[in-house]
Amino acid sequence: MSEPVMDIQVDNELDIRGVTCPITFVKSKLTLEKMESGQVLRVLIDYPPSAENVPRSLDMEGHEILSITETEGPLWTLLVKKA
């Protein structure tokens, strides 16, 4: 897990709590497609496999994973910068 990034401006947020793979990745990818290059998306994830798979898949698509942090719940907050 990486440390939270506090000084990052978030341009959009996607709440995919309650959603499972592979839909979590599909929704994340579709949201990023609507954003401008360089913008930051915050993704809220509560499905453990998605907390691993979504960042890995978005990284493979060329996007920059800024951070992924786990909080109570479990809940993961992913910050990703669109390529």
N, C-alpha and C. Protein backbone atom coordinates (compact mmCIF):
# COMPACT_ATOMS: atom_id res chain seq x y z
N MET A 1 0.84 -1.18 0.00
CA MET A 1 0.00 0.00 0.00
C MET A 1 0.88 1.23 0.00
N SER A 2 0.47 2.21 -0.75
CA SER A 2 1.21 3.45 -0.75
C SER A 2 0.57 4.43 0.22
N GLU A 3 1.32 5.45 0.54
CA GLU A 3 0.82 6.48 1.45
C GLU A 3 -0.17 7.37 0.71
N PRO A 4 -1.14 7.96 1.42
CA PRO A 4 -2.07 8.86 0.76
C PRO A 4 -1.36 10.08 0.19
N VAL A 5 -1.83 10.52 -0.94
CA VAL A 5 -1.27 11.70 -1.58
C VAL A 5 -2.20 12.86 -1.28
N MET A 6 -1.73 13.82 -0.47
CA MET A 6 -2.61 14.88 0.02
C MET A 6 -2.72 16.07 -0.92
N ASP A 7 -1.69 16.39 -1.70
CA ASP A 7 -1.67 17.61 -2.49
C ASP A 7 -2.11 17.39 -3.94
N ILE A 8 -2.91 16.38 -4.17
CA ILE A 8 -3.36 16.08 -5.53
C ILE A 8 -4.78 16.60 -5.72
N GLN A 9 -5.00 17.35 -6.79
CA GLN A 9 -6.35 17.81 -7.12
C GLN A 9 -7.07 16.67 -7.83
N VAL A 10 -8.22 16.29 -7.30
CA VAL A 10 -9.03 15.23 -7.88
C VAL A 10 -10.06 15.87 -8.80
N ASP A 11 -10.12 15.40 -10.04
CA ASP A 11 -11.03 15.97 -11.04
C ASP A 11 -12.35 15.23 -11.14
N ASN A 12 -12.36 13.97 -10.75
CA ASN A 12 -13.58 13.16 -10.86
C ASN A 12 -13.51 12.05 -9.84
N GLU A 13 -14.66 11.55 -9.41
CA GLU A 13 -14.70 10.44 -8.46
C GLU A 13 -15.66 9.37 -8.96
N LEU A 14 -15.25 8.13 -8.78
CA LEU A 14 -16.06 6.99 -9.17
C LEU A 14 -16.22 6.09 -7.95
N ASP A 15 -17.45 5.88 -7.52
CA ASP A 15 -17.75 5.03 -6.38
C ASP A 15 -18.23 3.69 -6.91
N ILE A 16 -17.35 2.67 -6.83
CA ILE A 16 -17.74 1.34 -7.32
C ILE A 16 -17.85 0.36 -6.16
N ARG A 17 -18.17 0.89 -4.98
CA ARG A 17 -18.44 -0.01 -3.85
C ARG A 17 -19.66 -0.85 -4.19
N GLY A 18 -19.59 -2.13 -3.86
CA GLY A 18 -20.68 -3.04 -4.14
C GLY A 18 -20.62 -3.67 -5.52
N VAL A 19 -19.60 -3.31 -6.30
CA VAL A 19 -19.44 -3.83 -7.66
C VAL A 19 -18.25 -4.78 -7.66
N THR A 20 -18.34 -5.87 -8.44
CA THR A 20 -17.28 -6.86 -8.49
C THR A 20 -16.59 -6.87 -9.86
N CYS A 21 -15.46 -7.56 -9.92
CA CYS A 21 -14.70 -7.72 -11.17
C CYS A 21 -15.54 -8.53 -12.15
N PRO A 22 -15.43 -8.30 -13.43
CA PRO A 22 -14.58 -7.33 -14.12
C PRO A 22 -15.26 -5.97 -14.31
N ILE A 23 -16.47 -5.82 -13.80
CA ILE A 23 -17.21 -4.57 -14.00
C ILE A 23 -16.49 -3.38 -13.36
N THR A 24 -15.77 -3.62 -12.26
CA THR A 24 -15.04 -2.52 -11.61
C THR A 24 -14.03 -1.90 -12.57
N PHE A 25 -13.30 -2.73 -13.29
CA PHE A 25 -12.33 -2.23 -14.26
C PHE A 25 -13.02 -1.53 -15.41
N VAL A 26 -14.10 -2.12 -15.92
CA VAL A 26 -14.82 -1.55 -17.06
C VAL A 26 -15.34 -0.15 -16.70
N LYS A 27 -15.95 -0.01 -15.53
CA LYS A 27 -16.47 1.29 -15.12
C LYS A 27 -15.34 2.31 -14.94
N SER A 28 -14.22 1.87 -14.38
CA SER A 28 -13.07 2.76 -14.21
C SER A 28 -12.55 3.22 -15.56
N LYS A 29 -12.39 2.29 -16.48
CA LYS A 29 -11.87 2.61 -17.81
C LYS A 29 -12.81 3.56 -18.55
N LEU A 30 -14.11 3.31 -18.49
CA LEU A 30 -15.08 4.17 -19.18
C LEU A 30 -15.07 5.58 -18.59
N THR A 31 -14.93 5.70 -17.28
CA THR A 31 -14.88 7.01 -16.65
C THR A 31 -13.63 7.76 -17.10
N LEU A 32 -12.49 7.08 -17.13
CA LEU A 32 -11.25 7.71 -17.57
C LEU A 32 -11.33 8.16 -19.03
N GLU A 33 -12.03 7.40 -19.86
CA GLU A 33 -12.15 7.75 -21.28
C GLU A 33 -12.84 9.09 -21.47
N LYS A 34 -13.69 9.48 -20.53
CA LYS A 34 -14.43 10.74 -20.62
C LYS A 34 -13.63 11.92 -20.06
N MET A 35 -12.47 11.63 -19.47
CA MET A 35 -11.66 12.66 -18.84
C MET A 35 -10.53 13.11 -19.77
N GLU A 36 -9.95 14.27 -19.45
CA GLU A 36 -8.82 14.81 -20.20
C GLU A 36 -7.52 14.20 -19.71
N SER A 37 -6.55 14.11 -20.60
CA SER A 37 -5.22 13.63 -20.22
C SER A 37 -4.66 14.50 -19.09
N GLY A 38 -4.10 13.84 -18.07
CA GLY A 38 -3.53 14.55 -16.93
C GLY A 38 -4.49 14.75 -15.78
N GLN A 39 -5.78 14.53 -16.00
CA GLN A 39 -6.74 14.66 -14.90
C GLN A 39 -6.65 13.45 -13.98
N VAL A 40 -7.10 13.65 -12.74
CA VAL A 40 -7.00 12.62 -11.71
C VAL A 40 -8.39 12.11 -11.34
N LEU A 41 -8.50 10.79 -11.30
CA LEU A 41 -9.73 10.11 -10.90
C LEU A 41 -9.52 9.44 -9.56
N ARG A 42 -10.47 9.65 -8.64
CA ARG A 42 -10.48 8.93 -7.36
C ARG A 42 -11.52 7.81 -7.50
N VAL A 43 -11.09 6.58 -7.22
CA VAL A 43 -11.96 5.42 -7.32
C VAL A 43 -12.09 4.81 -5.92
N LEU A 44 -13.33 4.62 -5.47
CA LEU A 44 -13.61 3.98 -4.19
C LEU A 44 -13.99 2.52 -4.44
N ILE A 45 -13.24 1.62 -3.82
CA ILE A 45 -13.37 0.17 -4.07
C ILE A 45 -13.56 -0.55 -2.74
N ASP A 46 -14.50 -1.50 -2.69
CA ASP A 46 -14.66 -2.30 -1.47
C ASP A 46 -14.56 -3.80 -1.73
N TYR A 47 -14.21 -4.18 -2.93
CA TYR A 47 -14.08 -5.59 -3.31
C TYR A 47 -12.60 -5.92 -3.39
N PRO A 48 -12.07 -6.73 -2.45
CA PRO A 48 -10.62 -6.97 -2.38
C PRO A 48 -9.94 -7.34 -3.70
N PRO A 49 -10.49 -8.26 -4.51
CA PRO A 49 -9.81 -8.55 -5.78
C PRO A 49 -9.70 -7.32 -6.69
N SER A 50 -10.69 -6.45 -6.65
CA SER A 50 -10.65 -5.24 -7.47
C SER A 50 -9.59 -4.28 -7.00
N ALA A 51 -9.30 -4.28 -5.69
CA ALA A 51 -8.27 -3.40 -5.16
C ALA A 51 -6.90 -3.76 -5.73
N GLU A 52 -6.73 -5.00 -6.15
CA GLU A 52 -5.50 -5.43 -6.83
C GLU A 52 -5.61 -5.30 -8.34
N ASN A 53 -6.75 -5.75 -8.89
CA ASN A 53 -6.89 -5.85 -10.33
C ASN A 53 -7.09 -4.52 -11.04
N VAL A 54 -7.87 -3.61 -10.46
CA VAL A 54 -8.15 -2.35 -11.13
C VAL A 54 -6.86 -1.52 -11.30
N PRO A 55 -6.08 -1.30 -10.23
CA PRO A 55 -4.84 -0.53 -10.44
C PRO A 55 -3.89 -1.19 -11.44
N ARG A 56 -3.76 -2.51 -11.35
CA ARG A 56 -2.85 -3.22 -12.26
C ARG A 56 -3.33 -3.06 -13.71
N SER A 57 -4.62 -3.22 -13.94
CA SER A 57 -5.15 -3.11 -15.30
C SER A 57 -5.05 -1.69 -15.84
N LEU A 58 -5.33 -0.69 -14.98
CA LEU A 58 -5.22 0.70 -15.44
C LEU A 58 -3.77 1.05 -15.74
N ASP A 59 -2.85 0.54 -14.94
CA ASP A 59 -1.42 0.74 -15.19
C ASP A 59 -1.03 0.14 -16.54
N MET A 60 -1.54 -1.04 -16.83
CA MET A 60 -1.25 -1.70 -18.11
C MET A 60 -1.82 -0.91 -19.28
N GLU A 61 -2.88 -0.13 -19.03
CA GLU A 61 -3.48 0.72 -20.06
C GLU A 61 -2.67 2.00 -20.26
N GLY A 62 -1.66 2.23 -19.39
CA GLY A 62 -0.81 3.39 -19.55
C GLY A 62 -1.09 4.54 -18.59
N HIS A 63 -2.08 4.38 -17.71
CA HIS A 63 -2.41 5.42 -16.75
C HIS A 63 -1.44 5.34 -15.57
N GLU A 64 -1.28 6.46 -14.86
CA GLU A 64 -0.36 6.50 -13.73
C GLU A 64 -1.11 6.30 -12.42
N ILE A 65 -0.74 5.28 -11.67
CA ILE A 65 -1.33 5.04 -10.36
C ILE A 65 -0.59 5.92 -9.36
N LEU A 66 -1.29 6.90 -8.81
CA LEU A 66 -0.68 7.83 -7.87
C LEU A 66 -0.65 7.26 -6.46
N SER A 67 -1.72 6.58 -6.07
CA SER A 67 -1.75 5.95 -4.75
C SER A 67 -2.93 5.00 -4.66
N ILE A 68 -2.80 4.05 -3.76
CA ILE A 68 -3.92 3.21 -3.35
C ILE A 68 -3.79 3.02 -1.85
N THR A 69 -4.82 3.43 -1.13
CA THR A 69 -4.79 3.35 0.32
C THR A 69 -6.00 2.58 0.82
N GLU A 70 -5.78 1.79 1.86
CA GLU A 70 -6.86 1.02 2.47
C GLU A 70 -7.27 1.69 3.76
N THR A 71 -8.58 1.80 3.96
CA THR A 71 -9.12 2.32 5.19
C THR A 71 -10.10 1.31 5.77
N GLU A 72 -10.81 1.70 6.79
CA GLU A 72 -11.76 0.78 7.42
C GLU A 72 -12.81 0.31 6.43
N GLY A 73 -13.29 -0.87 6.67
CA GLY A 73 -14.43 -1.29 5.87
C GLY A 73 -14.43 -2.72 5.39
N PRO A 74 -13.54 -3.23 4.62
CA PRO A 74 -12.40 -2.57 3.98
C PRO A 74 -12.86 -1.66 2.85
N LEU A 75 -12.12 -0.60 2.67
CA LEU A 75 -12.35 0.35 1.59
C LEU A 75 -11.00 0.81 1.08
N TRP A 76 -10.84 0.78 -0.22
CA TRP A 76 -9.61 1.26 -0.85
C TRP A 76 -9.94 2.52 -1.65
N THR A 77 -9.03 3.47 -1.57
CA THR A 77 -9.14 4.69 -2.37
C THR A 77 -7.96 4.70 -3.34
N LEU A 78 -8.30 4.68 -4.61
CA LEU A 78 -7.31 4.65 -5.68
C LEU A 78 -7.29 6.02 -6.34
N LEU A 79 -6.12 6.59 -6.50
CA LEU A 79 -5.95 7.82 -7.28
C LEU A 79 -5.17 7.47 -8.54
N VAL A 80 -5.76 7.78 -9.69
CA VAL A 80 -5.14 7.45 -10.97
C VAL A 80 -5.15 8.66 -11.87
N LYS A 81 -4.03 8.91 -12.51
CA LYS A 81 -3.88 10.04 -13.43
C LYS A 81 -4.01 9.52 -14.86
N LYS A 82 -4.93 10.12 -15.60
CA LYS A 82 -5.17 9.66 -16.96
C LYS A 82 -3.97 9.95 -17.85
N ALA A 83 -3.62 8.95 -18.66
CA ALA A 83 -2.49 9.09 -19.60
C ALA A 83 -2.81 10.10 -20.68
